[in-house]
Amino acid sequence: MNDELKDRARSLRLYGLLSNWDEFAQEPWLPRLIEIEEIERHRRSLERRISGAHIGPFKPMSDFDWSWPKKISRKLIEELFTFRFIGEGANAIFIGTNGVGKTMIVKNIAHQALLKGHTVRFTTASEMLNDLAAQEGAIGLNGRLKFYCRPSLLAIDEIGYLSYDSRHADLLFEIISRRYCRKSIVVTTNKPFAEWNQVFPNASSVVALIDRLVHKAEIIQIEAESYRLKEAKERNNQKKKSTKK
């Protein structure tokens, strides 16, 4: 027991306590002190990781209506929530039209990954690529590339909603290549891969970046009418009912 407490104190880097270990090792308050320090360190670490992840607001998965999509693999999505894919350095790609719940699911995955102790960064494709393209000089660019490659999970939302030039395609290829088979990427897109040449017209790296992205990747296709349109219709119906009363 005493050796276990000493190992825990060492992992917490309580060097003052360790240097005087023989004096305090038998004190009855020592286990509780180490437990309190561990809880506080965990809380502060989680706060930092949540703040740095930039996930933003989202609805919980308990609000997801699994009966609404015409096509969705619930089993595959629930498997992602085990986070084995992060340990394997694998990717996940969500494909579907606007408003079918892709971003909601990915934000839930990102949030739960944080709670499991992983480091996470959530970003839109436009935010990340414009940030990288704005860097002046190799040193600045390399610093931002490292920033996006550092987290164990990088979530890139909304690839396909805007078009980009070949410079942006090369930057996305660089991110995917640096993380390839080492750290996981989760992507949402409204376009099948066959149409990514419309997202990155005239870019020679499109085929290569798709090839590396889909290797060791789970591809989840969602076919459904827009949830947002559904919710808007429901709100309008409720308003109509309330005005009739």
Protein backbone atom coordinates (compact mmCIF):
# COMPACT_ATOMS: atom_id res chain seq x y z
CA MET A 1 0.00 0.00 0.00
CA ASN A 2 2.80 2.38 0.93
CA ASP A 3 4.64 1.67 -2.33
CA GLU A 4 1.43 2.34 -4.29
CA LEU A 5 0.93 5.68 -2.54
CA LYS A 6 4.54 6.62 -3.26
CA ASP A 7 4.09 5.76 -6.96
CA ARG A 8 0.94 7.92 -7.07
CA ALA A 9 2.78 10.80 -5.38
CA ARG A 10 5.59 10.41 -7.92
CA SER A 11 3.16 10.52 -10.86
CA LEU A 12 1.74 13.72 -9.35
CA ARG A 13 5.29 15.12 -9.06
CA LEU A 14 4.88 15.89 -5.36
CA TYR A 15 8.64 16.14 -4.98
CA GLY A 16 8.55 17.93 -1.63
CA LEU A 17 6.48 15.16 -0.14
CA LEU A 18 8.66 12.48 -1.76
CA SER A 19 11.86 13.97 -0.37
CA ASN A 20 10.36 13.70 3.13
CA TRP A 21 8.50 10.43 2.53
CA ASP A 22 9.77 8.56 5.61
CA GLU A 23 8.47 11.36 7.82
CA PHE A 24 4.91 11.35 6.41
CA ALA A 25 4.44 7.81 5.05
CA GLN A 26 2.46 6.57 8.06
CA GLU A 27 0.28 9.65 8.52
CA PRO A 28 -3.44 8.73 8.30
CA TRP A 29 -4.22 11.79 6.18
CA LEU A 30 -1.71 10.90 3.42
CA PRO A 31 -4.00 8.67 1.26
CA ARG A 32 -6.76 11.29 1.34
CA LEU A 33 -4.30 14.07 0.44
CA ILE A 34 -3.07 12.17 -2.62
CA GLU A 35 -6.64 11.33 -3.65
CA ILE A 36 -7.68 15.00 -3.43
CA GLU A 37 -4.66 16.04 -5.51
CA GLU A 38 -5.45 13.41 -8.15
CA ILE A 39 -9.10 14.53 -8.39
CA GLU A 40 -8.09 18.18 -8.71
CA ARG A 41 -5.44 17.45 -11.33
CA HIS A 42 -7.98 15.43 -13.33
CA ARG A 43 -10.56 18.22 -13.10
CA ARG A 44 -8.12 20.89 -14.25
CA SER A 45 -6.81 18.68 -17.05
CA LEU A 46 -10.35 18.05 -18.29
CA GLU A 47 -11.18 21.77 -18.17
CA ARG A 48 -8.08 22.60 -20.22
CA ARG A 49 -8.82 19.90 -22.77
CA ILE A 50 -12.48 20.93 -23.11
CA SER A 51 -11.49 24.58 -23.53
CA GLY A 52 -8.83 23.71 -26.12
CA ALA A 53 -11.10 21.36 -28.07
CA HIS A 54 -13.47 24.17 -29.19
CA ILE A 55 -16.39 21.77 -29.62
CA GLY A 56 -19.07 24.38 -28.94
CA PRO A 57 -22.70 23.66 -28.05
CA PHE A 58 -24.36 20.44 -29.18
CA LYS A 59 -27.34 18.21 -28.49
CA PRO A 60 -26.66 14.94 -26.62
CA MET A 61 -26.97 11.62 -28.40
CA SER A 62 -30.02 10.86 -26.27
CA ASP A 63 -31.85 13.42 -28.45
CA PHE A 64 -30.88 11.69 -31.70
CA ASP A 65 -33.85 10.16 -33.48
CA TRP A 66 -32.51 6.88 -34.86
CA SER A 67 -35.81 6.16 -36.59
CA TRP A 68 -35.61 9.28 -38.78
CA PRO A 69 -32.81 8.40 -41.25
CA LYS A 70 -33.60 6.11 -44.15
CA LYS A 71 -30.06 4.75 -43.88
CA ILE A 72 -27.68 4.79 -40.92
CA SER A 73 -25.50 2.23 -39.15
CA ARG A 74 -26.27 2.60 -35.47
CA LYS A 75 -23.99 -0.34 -34.67
CA LEU A 76 -21.04 1.28 -36.41
CA ILE A 77 -21.61 4.62 -34.69
CA GLU A 78 -21.93 3.01 -31.27
CA GLU A 79 -18.68 1.16 -31.97
CA LEU A 80 -16.96 4.53 -32.45
CA PHE A 81 -17.99 5.47 -28.92
CA THR A 82 -15.76 2.68 -27.59
CA PHE A 83 -12.84 4.76 -28.95
CA ARG A 84 -10.88 1.71 -30.03
CA PHE A 85 -10.38 3.48 -33.36
CA ILE A 86 -8.31 6.16 -31.62
CA GLY A 87 -5.98 3.55 -30.18
CA GLU A 88 -5.60 2.12 -33.69
CA GLY A 89 -4.95 5.49 -35.35
CA ALA A 90 -7.99 4.89 -37.56
CA ASN A 91 -10.37 7.46 -39.04
CA ALA A 92 -14.14 7.90 -39.33
CA ILE A 93 -15.90 9.67 -42.18
CA PHE A 94 -19.54 10.76 -42.04
CA ILE A 95 -21.17 11.35 -45.43
CA GLY A 96 -24.63 12.86 -45.83
CA THR A 97 -26.60 15.87 -47.01
CA ASN A 98 -27.21 18.96 -44.89
CA GLY A 99 -29.03 18.64 -41.59
CA VAL A 100 -28.95 14.86 -41.11
CA GLY A 101 -27.05 14.92 -37.80
CA LYS A 102 -23.43 14.43 -38.87
CA THR A 103 -22.06 17.32 -36.81
CA MET A 104 -24.19 16.40 -33.79
CA ILE A 105 -22.79 12.87 -33.76
CA VAL A 106 -19.19 14.00 -34.26
CA LYS A 107 -19.43 16.59 -31.47
CA ASN A 108 -20.72 13.89 -29.14
CA ILE A 109 -17.83 11.62 -30.13
CA ALA A 110 -15.37 14.46 -29.52
CA HIS A 111 -16.86 15.30 -26.13
CA GLN A 112 -16.92 11.69 -24.93
CA ALA A 113 -13.33 11.25 -26.13
CA LEU A 114 -12.35 14.16 -23.89
CA LEU A 115 -14.08 12.53 -20.93
CA LYS A 116 -12.12 9.34 -21.67
CA GLY A 117 -8.86 11.29 -21.35
CA HIS A 118 -8.05 11.91 -25.02
CA THR A 119 -6.93 15.25 -26.41
CA VAL A 120 -9.29 16.62 -29.06
CA ARG A 121 -9.54 19.49 -31.51
CA PHE A 122 -12.81 20.27 -33.31
CA THR A 123 -12.69 22.62 -36.29
CA THR A 124 -14.50 23.33 -39.51
CA ALA A 125 -12.61 22.70 -42.72
CA SER A 126 -12.76 26.39 -43.66
CA GLU A 127 -11.47 27.52 -40.25
CA MET A 128 -8.51 25.15 -40.32
CA LEU A 129 -7.53 25.57 -43.98
CA ASN A 130 -7.84 29.36 -43.94
CA ASP A 131 -5.79 29.46 -40.73
CA LEU A 132 -3.04 27.39 -42.34
CA ALA A 133 -3.13 29.33 -45.61
CA ALA A 134 -2.79 32.64 -43.74
CA GLN A 135 0.55 31.66 -42.20
CA GLU A 136 3.54 33.57 -43.51
CA GLY A 137 6.78 31.69 -43.71
CA ALA A 138 7.74 28.09 -43.12
CA ILE A 139 8.20 28.47 -39.37
CA GLY A 140 4.72 29.87 -38.78
CA LEU A 141 3.10 27.28 -41.03
CA ASN A 142 4.96 24.40 -39.42
CA GLY A 143 3.84 25.63 -36.00
CA ARG A 144 0.18 25.58 -37.02
CA LEU A 145 0.53 22.19 -38.71
CA LYS A 146 1.90 20.84 -35.42
CA PHE A 147 -1.05 22.47 -33.62
CA TYR A 148 -3.57 20.50 -35.69
CA CYS A 149 -1.50 17.31 -35.57
CA ARG A 150 -0.96 17.32 -31.80
CA PRO A 151 -4.39 16.11 -30.50
CA SER A 152 -5.10 12.38 -30.45
CA LEU A 153 -8.41 13.12 -32.24
CA LEU A 154 -8.91 15.82 -34.88
CA ALA A 155 -12.52 16.43 -35.96
CA ILE A 156 -12.89 18.31 -39.26
CA ASP A 157 -16.44 19.43 -39.96
CA GLU A 158 -18.07 20.51 -43.23
CA ILE A 159 -15.68 19.43 -45.96
CA GLY A 160 -17.53 20.10 -49.20
CA TYR A 161 -19.64 23.10 -48.26
CA LEU A 162 -17.12 25.52 -49.79
CA SER A 163 -14.62 25.16 -52.62
CA TYR A 164 -10.89 25.71 -52.16
CA ASP A 165 -7.84 26.18 -54.34
CA SER A 166 -4.97 23.73 -54.76
CA ARG A 167 -3.04 25.41 -51.92
CA HIS A 168 -5.79 24.46 -49.46
CA ALA A 169 -5.89 20.91 -50.84
CA ASP A 170 -2.14 20.58 -50.32
CA LEU A 171 -2.50 21.79 -46.72
CA LEU A 172 -5.25 19.27 -46.01
CA PHE A 173 -3.05 16.57 -47.57
CA GLU A 174 -0.23 17.63 -45.25
CA ILE A 175 -2.46 17.30 -42.16
CA ILE A 176 -3.75 13.89 -43.26
CA SER A 177 -0.24 12.68 -44.13
CA ARG A 178 1.24 13.75 -40.81
CA ARG A 179 -1.52 12.01 -38.87
CA TYR A 180 -1.68 8.99 -41.18
CA CYS A 181 -1.98 5.69 -39.25
CA ARG A 182 -0.80 7.46 -36.09
CA LYS A 183 -3.58 9.76 -34.92
CA SER A 184 -7.27 9.68 -35.74
CA ILE A 185 -9.33 12.05 -37.85
CA VAL A 186 -13.11 12.29 -37.91
CA VAL A 187 -14.57 14.07 -40.93
CA THR A 188 -18.04 15.20 -41.97
CA THR A 189 -18.79 15.88 -45.61
CA ASN A 190 -21.87 16.48 -47.72
CA LYS A 191 -20.23 15.16 -50.86
CA PRO A 192 -19.22 11.64 -51.94
CA PHE A 193 -15.52 11.24 -52.65
CA ALA A 194 -16.19 11.22 -56.39
CA GLU A 195 -17.20 14.89 -56.08
CA TRP A 196 -14.24 16.08 -54.00
CA ASN A 197 -12.58 17.33 -57.17
CA GLN A 198 -15.35 19.96 -57.14
CA VAL A 199 -14.33 20.97 -53.60
CA PHE A 200 -10.66 21.20 -54.61
CA PRO A 201 -10.76 21.94 -58.36
CA ASN A 202 -7.49 21.58 -60.23
CA ALA A 203 -5.71 20.16 -57.16
CA SER A 204 -3.36 17.27 -57.95
CA SER A 205 -3.34 15.99 -54.35
CA VAL A 206 -7.06 15.16 -54.08
CA VAL A 207 -6.75 11.48 -55.00
CA ALA A 208 -3.80 11.01 -52.66
CA LEU A 209 -5.46 12.73 -49.68
CA ILE A 210 -8.66 10.69 -50.12
CA ASP A 211 -6.60 7.50 -50.39
CA ARG A 212 -4.82 8.16 -47.10
CA LEU A 213 -7.96 9.40 -45.35
CA VAL A 214 -10.07 6.32 -46.18
CA HIS A 215 -7.31 3.79 -45.45
CA LYS A 216 -8.13 2.32 -42.02
CA ALA A 217 -11.37 4.36 -41.93
CA GLU A 218 -14.96 3.61 -41.05
CA ILE A 219 -17.29 5.27 -43.57
CA ILE A 220 -20.75 6.07 -42.23
CA GLN A 221 -23.35 7.15 -44.77
CA ILE A 222 -26.49 8.85 -43.50
CA GLU A 223 -29.49 9.18 -45.80
CA ALA A 224 -32.33 11.28 -44.40
CA GLU A 225 -34.41 14.38 -44.87
CA SER A 226 -33.05 17.39 -43.00
CA TYR A 227 -33.63 17.28 -39.23
CA ARG A 228 -33.59 21.06 -39.19
CA LEU A 229 -36.36 21.21 -41.78
CA LYS A 230 -38.29 18.60 -39.79
CA GLU A 231 -37.91 20.60 -36.57
CA ALA A 232 -38.88 23.84 -38.34
CA LYS A 233 -42.08 22.23 -39.62
CA GLU A 234 -42.85 20.92 -36.13
CA ARG A 235 -42.37 24.40 -34.63
CA ASN A 236 -44.64 25.93 -37.24
CA ASN A 237 -47.31 23.32 -36.53
CA GLN A 238 -47.07 24.04 -32.81
CA LYS A 239 -47.45 27.77 -33.45
CA LYS A 240 -50.50 27.16 -35.60
CA LYS A 241 -52.07 25.01 -32.89
CA SER A 242 -51.36 27.59 -30.20
CA THR A 243 -52.90 30.44 -32.23
CA LYS A 244 -56.10 28.43 -32.75
CA LYS A 245 -56.61 28.03 -29.00
